[in-house]
Each structure stands twice: as C-alpha cells, then as structure tokens.
Amino acid sequence: MFDIGFAELILISVVGLLVIGPERLPGAIRTGSLWLNKFKRGFNDIKREVQQELHNDGVMQELRKTGEDLKKQASEFDLQSAVPSASTNDKTDSPAEKDST
C-alpha cells in the first residue's frame, strides 16, 4: 500500500518512541492500526458499491440492447407476415375444386 521499507519503519518507530514515550506507544500503535483498518474497510465498501453499480449498469445496457433486438425482430416478423408471398397470391385450384368441375 505505502512504499515503506525496513529503514523507514525503524526511523518511524524511533521517532514515535521519542515523541510518544514507551508507556503510550503500544496504545498509539493500536489506535493507528484501528484507524487504518477503518479507512481500508470504508475504501473497500466504496469500491464494492462502485463495482456493483458498474455491474448493474452493464446488465441494464444488455437488457436495453436485447429489448431493441427483440423489437427489431418483431417488426421484421410483422413486415414479413404483412407482405403476402407470391405462392399464396396465386390462385391454384385445390383438389376439391378440380373434382367439382
């Protein structure tokens, strides 16, 4: 997360020991780690919510696209059924009509 090496950790520990003191240093470390964990948890919650919203947006876009495709197919089907084919327009005598003549 932070690009801190071993030397920097030692320096931070020594400064913390001198400024805070040996009695309060463990409590200060605990408090700092609690704050850091709360920060990480909050950041992860926000990240999860953003990912969920992006996923929901992707799903909604897919649904819209599918709906548009279905509308196009329905309109094409309606156009095909509205335009009669040449074979249905031809007046052919059915076998029953041939027998009656």
Protein backbone atom coordinates (compact mmCIF):
# COMPACT_ATOMS: atom_id res chain seq x y z
CA MET A 1 0.00 0.00 0.00
CA PHE A 2 2.60 2.51 1.11
CA ASP A 3 6.04 2.03 -0.34
CA ILE A 4 7.83 1.97 3.02
CA GLY A 5 10.99 -0.03 3.52
CA PHE A 6 12.52 -1.50 6.66
CA ALA A 7 14.77 1.53 7.29
CA GLU A 8 11.78 3.88 7.19
CA LEU A 9 9.88 1.66 9.66
CA ILE A 10 12.82 1.76 12.10
CA LEU A 11 13.04 5.55 11.79
CA ILE A 12 9.28 5.95 12.38
CA SER A 13 9.49 3.63 15.41
CA VAL A 14 12.38 5.57 16.96
CA VAL A 15 10.66 8.94 16.40
CA GLY A 16 7.41 7.53 17.80
CA LEU A 17 9.21 6.17 20.84
CA LEU A 18 10.88 9.53 21.50
CA VAL A 19 7.76 11.66 20.92
CA ILE A 20 5.05 9.50 22.49
CA GLY A 21 7.06 7.61 25.08
CA PRO A 22 7.41 3.92 25.85
CA GLU A 23 4.24 3.72 28.02
CA ARG A 24 1.81 5.19 25.47
CA LEU A 25 3.43 3.83 22.26
CA PRO A 26 1.57 0.45 22.22
CA GLY A 27 -1.79 2.21 22.67
CA ALA A 28 -0.93 4.72 19.96
CA ILE A 29 0.02 1.89 17.59
CA ARG A 30 -3.29 0.12 18.34
CA THR A 31 -5.25 3.32 17.75
CA GLY A 32 -3.39 3.99 14.50
CA SER A 33 -3.98 0.45 13.28
CA LEU A 34 -7.71 0.74 14.13
CA TRP A 35 -7.96 3.96 12.13
CA LEU A 36 -6.10 2.37 9.24
CA ASN A 37 -8.40 -0.67 9.31
CA LYS A 38 -11.50 1.57 9.36
CA PHE A 39 -10.09 3.51 6.42
CA LYS A 40 -9.39 0.30 4.48
CA ARG A 41 -12.85 -1.08 5.28
CA GLY A 42 -14.53 2.14 4.18
CA PHE A 43 -12.48 2.23 0.99
CA ASN A 44 -13.35 -1.42 0.25
CA ASP A 45 -17.06 -0.70 0.86
CA ILE A 46 -16.97 2.19 -1.59
CA LYS A 47 -15.06 0.08 -4.10
CA ARG A 48 -17.61 -2.74 -3.80
CA GLU A 49 -20.53 -0.33 -4.27
CA VAL A 50 -18.93 1.21 -7.35
CA GLN A 51 -18.28 -2.23 -8.83
CA GLN A 52 -21.87 -3.26 -8.11
CA GLU A 53 -23.21 -0.12 -9.78
CA LEU A 54 -20.97 -0.67 -12.80
CA HIS A 55 -22.18 -4.26 -13.00
CA ASN A 56 -25.80 -3.12 -12.69
CA ASP A 57 -25.20 -0.55 -15.42
CA GLY A 58 -23.72 -3.25 -17.65
CA VAL A 59 -26.72 -5.50 -17.03
CA MET A 60 -29.11 -2.65 -17.83
CA GLN A 61 -27.27 -1.92 -21.08
CA GLU A 62 -27.51 -5.59 -22.04
CA LEU A 63 -31.24 -5.59 -21.28
CA ARG A 64 -31.78 -2.47 -23.39
CA LYS A 65 -29.82 -3.98 -26.27
CA THR A 66 -31.77 -7.23 -26.02
CA GLY A 67 -35.04 -5.30 -25.94
CA GLU A 68 -34.05 -3.33 -29.03
CA ASP A 69 -33.06 -6.53 -30.83
CA LEU A 70 -36.39 -8.11 -29.93
CA LYS A 71 -38.26 -5.05 -31.20
CA LYS A 72 -36.33 -5.18 -34.48
CA GLN A 73 -37.05 -8.88 -34.87
CA ALA A 74 -40.73 -8.34 -34.06
CA SER A 75 -41.02 -5.52 -36.59
CA GLU A 76 -39.26 -7.64 -39.23
CA PHE A 77 -41.59 -10.52 -38.46
CA ASP A 78 -44.62 -8.21 -38.72
CA LEU A 79 -43.37 -6.89 -42.06
CA GLN A 80 -42.83 -10.41 -43.37
CA SER A 81 -46.27 -11.57 -42.27
CA ALA A 82 -47.93 -8.40 -43.63
CA VAL A 83 -46.42 -8.88 -47.10
CA PRO A 84 -48.00 -11.98 -48.61
CA SER A 85 -45.69 -14.23 -50.52
CA ALA A 86 -46.15 -14.92 -54.24
CA SER A 87 -47.21 -18.52 -53.67
CA THR A 88 -50.18 -17.52 -51.51
CA ASN A 89 -51.34 -14.93 -54.07
CA ASP A 90 -51.55 -17.44 -56.92
CA LYS A 91 -54.99 -18.84 -57.39
CA THR A 92 -54.41 -22.52 -57.60
CA ASP A 93 -57.22 -24.91 -57.72
CA SER A 94 -57.40 -27.16 -54.77
CA PRO A 95 -58.01 -30.88 -55.43
CA ALA A 96 -61.58 -30.47 -54.18
CA GLU A 97 -62.22 -27.71 -56.73
CA LYS A 98 -60.80 -29.84 -59.57
CA ASP A 99 -63.11 -32.71 -58.69
CA SER A 100 -66.19 -30.46 -58.74
CA THR A 101 -65.55 -29.23 -62.28
